[in-house]
Amino acid sequence: MPTGGLNLLNRRFTEKDMKYQEYLDGEHWRNVKDRYWKSKLPKVCRICDANRNLVLHHRTYKHLGKEHI
């Protein structure tokens, strides 16, 4: 992600006394990831089609904090 985008996200979360990395380390994101891995959704990288060593990322930050699985 470009640095400017990360700064924007950190600014948004700073206003809520939470930084983006703290959000990713938090219980809510852990629960989102657990629901995803237990779901029947595809477990394949959308960019390279890899199915190993995947790391869950947001495709968009539009629903940040309100992710739907």
C-alpha atoms as a PDB file:
ATOM      1  CA  MET A   1       0.000   0.000   0.000  1.00  0.00           C
ATOM      2  CA  PRO A   2       1.320   3.475  -0.755  1.00  0.00           C
ATOM      3  CA  THR A   3       2.585   5.307   2.287  1.00  0.00           C
ATOM      4  CA  GLY A   4       0.018   8.080   1.890  1.00  0.00           C
ATOM      5  CA  GLY A   5      -2.837   5.609   2.253  1.00  0.00           C
ATOM      6  CA  LEU A   6      -1.387   4.193   5.450  1.00  0.00           C
ATOM      7  CA  ASN A   7      -0.997   7.688   6.854  1.00  0.00           C
ATOM      8  CA  LEU A   8      -4.626   8.411   6.035  1.00  0.00           C
ATOM      9  CA  LEU A   9      -5.731   5.227   7.798  1.00  0.00           C
ATOM     10  CA  ASN A  10      -3.581   5.981  10.835  1.00  0.00           C
ATOM     11  CA  ARG A  11      -5.048   9.480  10.970  1.00  0.00           C
ATOM     12  CA  ARG A  12      -8.596   8.117  10.852  1.00  0.00           C
ATOM     13  CA  PHE A  13      -7.939   5.648  13.634  1.00  0.00           C
ATOM     14  CA  THR A  14      -5.966   8.159  15.699  1.00  0.00           C
ATOM     15  CA  GLU A  15      -9.126  10.231  15.882  1.00  0.00           C
ATOM     16  CA  LYS A  16     -10.804   7.190  17.459  1.00  0.00           C
ATOM     17  CA  ASP A  17      -7.805   6.550  19.750  1.00  0.00           C
ATOM     18  CA  MET A  18      -6.909   3.503  17.719  1.00  0.00           C
ATOM     19  CA  LYS A  19      -4.218   3.072  15.111  1.00  0.00           C
ATOM     20  CA  TYR A  20      -4.600   0.746  12.197  1.00  0.00           C
ATOM     21  CA  GLN A  21      -1.992  -1.736  13.456  1.00  0.00           C
ATOM     22  CA  GLU A  22      -3.725  -1.863  16.831  1.00  0.00           C
ATOM     23  CA  TYR A  23      -6.942  -2.663  14.964  1.00  0.00           C
ATOM     24  CA  LEU A  24      -5.236  -5.509  13.082  1.00  0.00           C
ATOM     25  CA  ASP A  25      -3.851  -6.832  16.374  1.00  0.00           C
ATOM     26  CA  GLY A  26      -7.208  -6.535  18.109  1.00  0.00           C
ATOM     27  CA  GLU A  27      -9.919  -9.030  18.955  1.00  0.00           C
ATOM     28  CA  HIS A  28     -12.373  -7.797  16.302  1.00  0.00           C
ATOM     29  CA  TRP A  29      -9.979  -8.417  13.386  1.00  0.00           C
ATOM     30  CA  ARG A  30      -8.978 -11.763  14.908  1.00  0.00           C
ATOM     31  CA  ASN A  31     -12.675 -12.752  14.920  1.00  0.00           C
ATOM     32  CA  VAL A  32     -13.103 -11.581  11.312  1.00  0.00           C
ATOM     33  CA  LYS A  33     -10.128 -13.698  10.231  1.00  0.00           C
ATOM     34  CA  ASP A  34     -11.410 -16.728  12.157  1.00  0.00           C
ATOM     35  CA  ARG A  35     -14.843 -16.431  10.504  1.00  0.00           C
ATOM     36  CA  TYR A  36     -13.201 -16.138   7.092  1.00  0.00           C
ATOM     37  CA  TRP A  37     -10.963 -19.192   7.523  1.00  0.00           C
ATOM     38  CA  LYS A  38     -13.957 -21.243   8.780  1.00  0.00           C
ATOM     39  CA  SER A  39     -16.196 -20.045   5.938  1.00  0.00           C
ATOM     40  CA  LYS A  40     -16.677 -21.624   2.533  1.00  0.00           C
ATOM     41  CA  LEU A  41     -15.234 -18.561   0.812  1.00  0.00           C
ATOM     42  CA  PRO A  42     -12.324 -19.226  -1.566  1.00  0.00           C
ATOM     43  CA  LYS A  43      -8.922 -19.406   0.117  1.00  0.00           C
ATOM     44  CA  VAL A  44      -6.922 -18.230  -2.906  1.00  0.00           C
ATOM     45  CA  CYS A  45      -4.957 -15.045  -3.548  1.00  0.00           C
ATOM     46  CA  ARG A  46      -6.955 -12.783  -5.868  1.00  0.00           C
ATOM     47  CA  ILE A  47      -3.755 -11.547  -7.492  1.00  0.00           C
ATOM     48  CA  CYS A  48      -1.586 -14.637  -8.112  1.00  0.00           C
ATOM     49  CA  ASP A  49      -3.960 -17.574  -7.400  1.00  0.00           C
ATOM     50  CA  ALA A  50      -1.645 -18.927  -4.681  1.00  0.00           C
ATOM     51  CA  ASN A  51      -3.363 -21.067  -2.065  1.00  0.00           C
ATOM     52  CA  ARG A  52      -0.516 -21.300   0.469  1.00  0.00           C
ATOM     53  CA  ASN A  53       0.867 -18.894   3.055  1.00  0.00           C
ATOM     54  CA  LEU A  54      -2.093 -16.561   2.641  1.00  0.00           C
ATOM     55  CA  VAL A  55      -2.483 -13.432   4.742  1.00  0.00           C
ATOM     56  CA  LEU A  56      -5.940 -11.920   5.002  1.00  0.00           C
ATOM     57  CA  HIS A  57      -6.133  -8.281   3.892  1.00  0.00           C
ATOM     58  CA  HIS A  58      -8.882  -5.761   3.308  1.00  0.00           C
ATOM     59  CA  ARG A  59      -9.777  -5.421  -0.369  1.00  0.00           C
ATOM     60  CA  THR A  60     -11.207  -2.011   0.441  1.00  0.00           C
ATOM     61  CA  TYR A  61     -11.232   0.083   3.599  1.00  0.00           C
ATOM     62  CA  LYS A  62     -14.841   1.130   3.015  1.00  0.00           C
ATOM     63  CA  HIS A  63     -16.129  -1.323   5.652  1.00  0.00           C
ATOM     64  CA  LEU A  64     -13.160  -1.114   8.012  1.00  0.00           C
ATOM     65  CA  GLY A  65     -14.404  -2.132  11.440  1.00  0.00           C
ATOM     66  CA  LYS A  66     -17.681  -3.395   9.950  1.00  0.00           C
ATOM     67  CA  GLU A  67     -16.402  -6.258   7.791  1.00  0.00           C
ATOM     68  CA  HIS A  68     -18.940  -8.713   6.410  1.00  0.00           C
ATOM     69  CA  ILE A  69     -18.026 -12.392   6.072  1.00  0.00           C
END
